[in-house]
Amino acid sequence: MNISLGAPELLLLFFALFPAIALFDIWRSNAKDSFEKIVWTCVVLFFNVVGVIVYISVGRKDKFVYDVIRKFKSAT
């Protein structure tokens, strides 16, 4: 079986799979209230690829990287 990723497959990832993963992450998060979940859902749905990038860079406050940064800042 020969599997190759070309332009159509990569576009499918950006326009279908990544928003679906982002939406799943938004709604499973316990750190967000209902209003915040609705706002992030609208951002991801209306601004498909850009919305996912913005959510990953700004909206994921409950992840490991933010905990490490907080601990580093409090230690200094």
C-alpha atoms as a PDB file:
ATOM      1  CA  MET A   1       0.000   0.000   0.000  1.00  0.00           C
ATOM      2  CA  ASN A   2       1.472   3.330  -1.066  1.00  0.00           C
ATOM      3  CA  ILE A   3       0.232   6.293   0.983  1.00  0.00           C
ATOM      4  CA  SER A   4       1.242   9.746  -0.066  1.00  0.00           C
ATOM      5  CA  LEU A   5       0.091  13.108   1.200  1.00  0.00           C
ATOM      6  CA  GLY A   6      -0.451  15.609  -1.545  1.00  0.00           C
ATOM      7  CA  ALA A   7      -2.158  18.961  -1.667  1.00  0.00           C
ATOM      8  CA  PRO A   8      -5.747  17.606  -1.541  1.00  0.00           C
ATOM      9  CA  GLU A   9      -5.025  15.515   1.533  1.00  0.00           C
ATOM     10  CA  LEU A  10      -3.323  18.368   3.344  1.00  0.00           C
ATOM     11  CA  LEU A  11      -6.210  20.692   2.531  1.00  0.00           C
ATOM     12  CA  LEU A  12      -8.604  18.110   3.927  1.00  0.00           C
ATOM     13  CA  LEU A  13      -6.583  18.068   7.158  1.00  0.00           C
ATOM     14  CA  PHE A  14      -6.714  21.850   7.478  1.00  0.00           C
ATOM     15  CA  PHE A  15     -10.370  22.301   6.573  1.00  0.00           C
ATOM     16  CA  ALA A  16     -11.948  19.253   8.211  1.00  0.00           C
ATOM     17  CA  LEU A  17      -9.798  17.376  10.677  1.00  0.00           C
ATOM     18  CA  PHE A  18      -8.106  20.222  12.569  1.00  0.00           C
ATOM     19  CA  PRO A  19     -11.367  22.138  13.237  1.00  0.00           C
ATOM     20  CA  ALA A  20     -12.993  18.906  14.416  1.00  0.00           C
ATOM     21  CA  ILE A  21     -10.119  18.273  16.830  1.00  0.00           C
ATOM     22  CA  ALA A  22     -10.260  21.869  18.060  1.00  0.00           C
ATOM     23  CA  LEU A  23     -14.030  21.645  18.625  1.00  0.00           C
ATOM     24  CA  PHE A  24     -13.600  18.402  20.552  1.00  0.00           C
ATOM     25  CA  ASP A  25     -10.908  20.039  22.688  1.00  0.00           C
ATOM     26  CA  ILE A  26     -13.087  23.088  23.343  1.00  0.00           C
ATOM     27  CA  TRP A  27     -16.083  21.099  24.547  1.00  0.00           C
ATOM     28  CA  ARG A  28     -14.138  18.609  26.683  1.00  0.00           C
ATOM     29  CA  SER A  29     -12.272  21.349  28.563  1.00  0.00           C
ATOM     30  CA  ASN A  30     -13.251  21.906  32.176  1.00  0.00           C
ATOM     31  CA  ALA A  31     -11.388  25.215  32.394  1.00  0.00           C
ATOM     32  CA  LYS A  32     -13.886  27.047  30.203  1.00  0.00           C
ATOM     33  CA  ASP A  33     -17.400  28.146  31.088  1.00  0.00           C
ATOM     34  CA  SER A  34     -20.321  27.675  28.678  1.00  0.00           C
ATOM     35  CA  PHE A  35     -20.134  31.174  27.200  1.00  0.00           C
ATOM     36  CA  GLU A  36     -16.414  30.822  26.483  1.00  0.00           C
ATOM     37  CA  LYS A  37     -17.035  27.448  24.818  1.00  0.00           C
ATOM     38  CA  ILE A  38     -19.717  28.967  22.581  1.00  0.00           C
ATOM     39  CA  VAL A  39     -17.454  31.883  21.605  1.00  0.00           C
ATOM     40  CA  TRP A  40     -14.530  29.577  20.737  1.00  0.00           C
ATOM     41  CA  THR A  41     -16.865  27.286  18.789  1.00  0.00           C
ATOM     42  CA  CYS A  42     -18.048  30.235  16.691  1.00  0.00           C
ATOM     43  CA  VAL A  43     -14.464  31.384  16.103  1.00  0.00           C
ATOM     44  CA  VAL A  44     -13.404  27.919  14.914  1.00  0.00           C
ATOM     45  CA  LEU A  45     -16.487  27.426  12.722  1.00  0.00           C
ATOM     46  CA  PHE A  46     -16.555  30.865  11.090  1.00  0.00           C
ATOM     47  CA  PHE A  47     -12.797  31.341  10.680  1.00  0.00           C
ATOM     48  CA  ASN A  48     -11.900  27.737   9.914  1.00  0.00           C
ATOM     49  CA  VAL A  49      -8.100  27.486   9.669  1.00  0.00           C
ATOM     50  CA  VAL A  50      -7.343  30.866  11.214  1.00  0.00           C
ATOM     51  CA  GLY A  51      -9.766  30.105  14.056  1.00  0.00           C
ATOM     52  CA  VAL A  52      -7.972  26.845  14.839  1.00  0.00           C
ATOM     53  CA  ILE A  53      -4.586  28.589  14.857  1.00  0.00           C
ATOM     54  CA  VAL A  54      -5.904  31.348  17.134  1.00  0.00           C
ATOM     55  CA  TYR A  55      -7.515  28.803  19.465  1.00  0.00           C
ATOM     56  CA  ILE A  56      -4.339  26.755  19.723  1.00  0.00           C
ATOM     57  CA  SER A  57      -2.175  29.808  20.376  1.00  0.00           C
ATOM     58  CA  VAL A  58      -4.523  31.760  22.675  1.00  0.00           C
ATOM     59  CA  GLY A  59      -7.433  29.649  23.858  1.00  0.00           C
ATOM     60  CA  ARG A  60      -5.741  26.632  25.394  1.00  0.00           C
ATOM     61  CA  LYS A  61      -4.942  28.024  28.840  1.00  0.00           C
ATOM     62  CA  ASP A  62      -5.370  24.739  30.683  1.00  0.00           C
ATOM     63  CA  LYS A  63      -2.421  22.965  29.108  1.00  0.00           C
ATOM     64  CA  PHE A  64       1.030  21.956  30.270  1.00  0.00           C
ATOM     65  CA  VAL A  65       2.934  24.799  28.598  1.00  0.00           C
ATOM     66  CA  TYR A  66       0.994  27.455  30.502  1.00  0.00           C
ATOM     67  CA  ASP A  67       1.589  25.631  33.797  1.00  0.00           C
ATOM     68  CA  VAL A  68       5.320  25.521  33.137  1.00  0.00           C
ATOM     69  CA  ILE A  69       5.431  29.219  32.240  1.00  0.00           C
ATOM     70  CA  ARG A  70       3.465  30.128  35.386  1.00  0.00           C
ATOM     71  CA  LYS A  71       5.793  28.084  37.600  1.00  0.00           C
ATOM     72  CA  PHE A  72       8.855  29.598  35.949  1.00  0.00           C
ATOM     73  CA  LYS A  73       7.563  33.141  36.438  1.00  0.00           C
ATOM     74  CA  SER A  74       6.674  32.517  40.084  1.00  0.00           C
ATOM     75  CA  ALA A  75      10.121  31.021  40.769  1.00  0.00           C
ATOM     76  CA  THR A  76      11.964  34.097  39.484  1.00  0.00           C
END
